[in-house]
């Protein structure tokens, strides 16, 4: 597999993976913030 012979399908797959990864990070962050701010005193 050569570096300059890139497959556009692989690149698009990487972008989808990156998008889902960042989305998941934000979901976890929002859930943790919600849990901390709504924790019973």
C-alpha atoms as a PDB file:
ATOM      1  CA  UNK A   1       0.000   0.000   0.000  1.00  0.00           C
ATOM      2  CA  UNK A   2       1.609   3.253  -1.142  1.00  0.00           C
ATOM      3  CA  UNK A   3       1.116   6.585   0.592  1.00  0.00           C
ATOM      4  CA  UNK A   4       0.406   8.602  -2.564  1.00  0.00           C
ATOM      5  CA  UNK A   5      -2.073   6.026  -3.898  1.00  0.00           C
ATOM      6  CA  UNK A   6      -4.798   6.924  -1.437  1.00  0.00           C
ATOM      7  CA  UNK A   7      -8.238   5.369  -1.679  1.00  0.00           C
ATOM      8  CA  UNK A   8     -10.965   8.052  -1.306  1.00  0.00           C
ATOM      9  CA  UNK A   9     -13.257   5.438   0.256  1.00  0.00           C
ATOM     10  CA  UNK A  10     -10.745   4.814   3.053  1.00  0.00           C
ATOM     11  CA  UNK A  11     -10.385   8.549   3.625  1.00  0.00           C
ATOM     12  CA  UNK A  12     -14.165   8.995   3.842  1.00  0.00           C
ATOM     13  CA  UNK A  13     -14.342   6.064   6.260  1.00  0.00           C
ATOM     14  CA  UNK A  14     -11.706   7.743   8.428  1.00  0.00           C
ATOM     15  CA  UNK A  15     -13.729  10.969   8.491  1.00  0.00           C
ATOM     16  CA  UNK A  16     -16.883   9.057   9.509  1.00  0.00           C
ATOM     17  CA  UNK A  17     -14.913   7.331  12.282  1.00  0.00           C
ATOM     18  CA  UNK A  18     -13.529  10.698  13.442  1.00  0.00           C
ATOM     19  CA  UNK A  19     -17.009  12.263  13.412  1.00  0.00           C
ATOM     20  CA  UNK A  20     -18.495   9.419  15.470  1.00  0.00           C
ATOM     21  CA  UNK A  21     -15.510   9.543  17.850  1.00  0.00           C
ATOM     22  CA  UNK A  22     -15.890  13.289  18.498  1.00  0.00           C
ATOM     23  CA  UNK A  23     -19.678  12.886  18.814  1.00  0.00           C
ATOM     24  CA  UNK A  24     -19.196  10.159  21.421  1.00  0.00           C
ATOM     25  CA  UNK A  25     -16.717  12.302  23.360  1.00  0.00           C
ATOM     26  CA  UNK A  26     -19.243  15.147  23.564  1.00  0.00           C
ATOM     27  CA  UNK A  27     -22.055  12.798  24.636  1.00  0.00           C
ATOM     28  CA  UNK A  28     -19.905  11.434  27.471  1.00  0.00           C
ATOM     29  CA  UNK A  29     -18.869  14.953  28.499  1.00  0.00           C
ATOM     30  CA  UNK A  30     -22.481  16.223  28.569  1.00  0.00           C
ATOM     31  CA  UNK A  31     -23.641  13.185  30.574  1.00  0.00           C
ATOM     32  CA  UNK A  32     -20.842  13.671  33.118  1.00  0.00           C
ATOM     33  CA  UNK A  33     -21.563  17.407  33.438  1.00  0.00           C
ATOM     34  CA  UNK A  34     -25.292  16.674  33.837  1.00  0.00           C
ATOM     35  CA  UNK A  35     -24.569  14.050  36.503  1.00  0.00           C
ATOM     36  CA  UNK A  36     -22.282  16.422  38.426  1.00  0.00           C
ATOM     37  CA  UNK A  37     -24.625  19.416  38.269  1.00  0.00           C
ATOM     38  CA  UNK A  38     -27.735  17.345  39.115  1.00  0.00           C
ATOM     39  CA  UNK A  39     -26.102  15.249  41.823  1.00  0.00           C
ATOM     40  CA  UNK A  40     -28.212  15.073  45.019  1.00  0.00           C
ATOM     41  CA  UNK A  41     -26.765  17.360  47.650  1.00  0.00           C
END
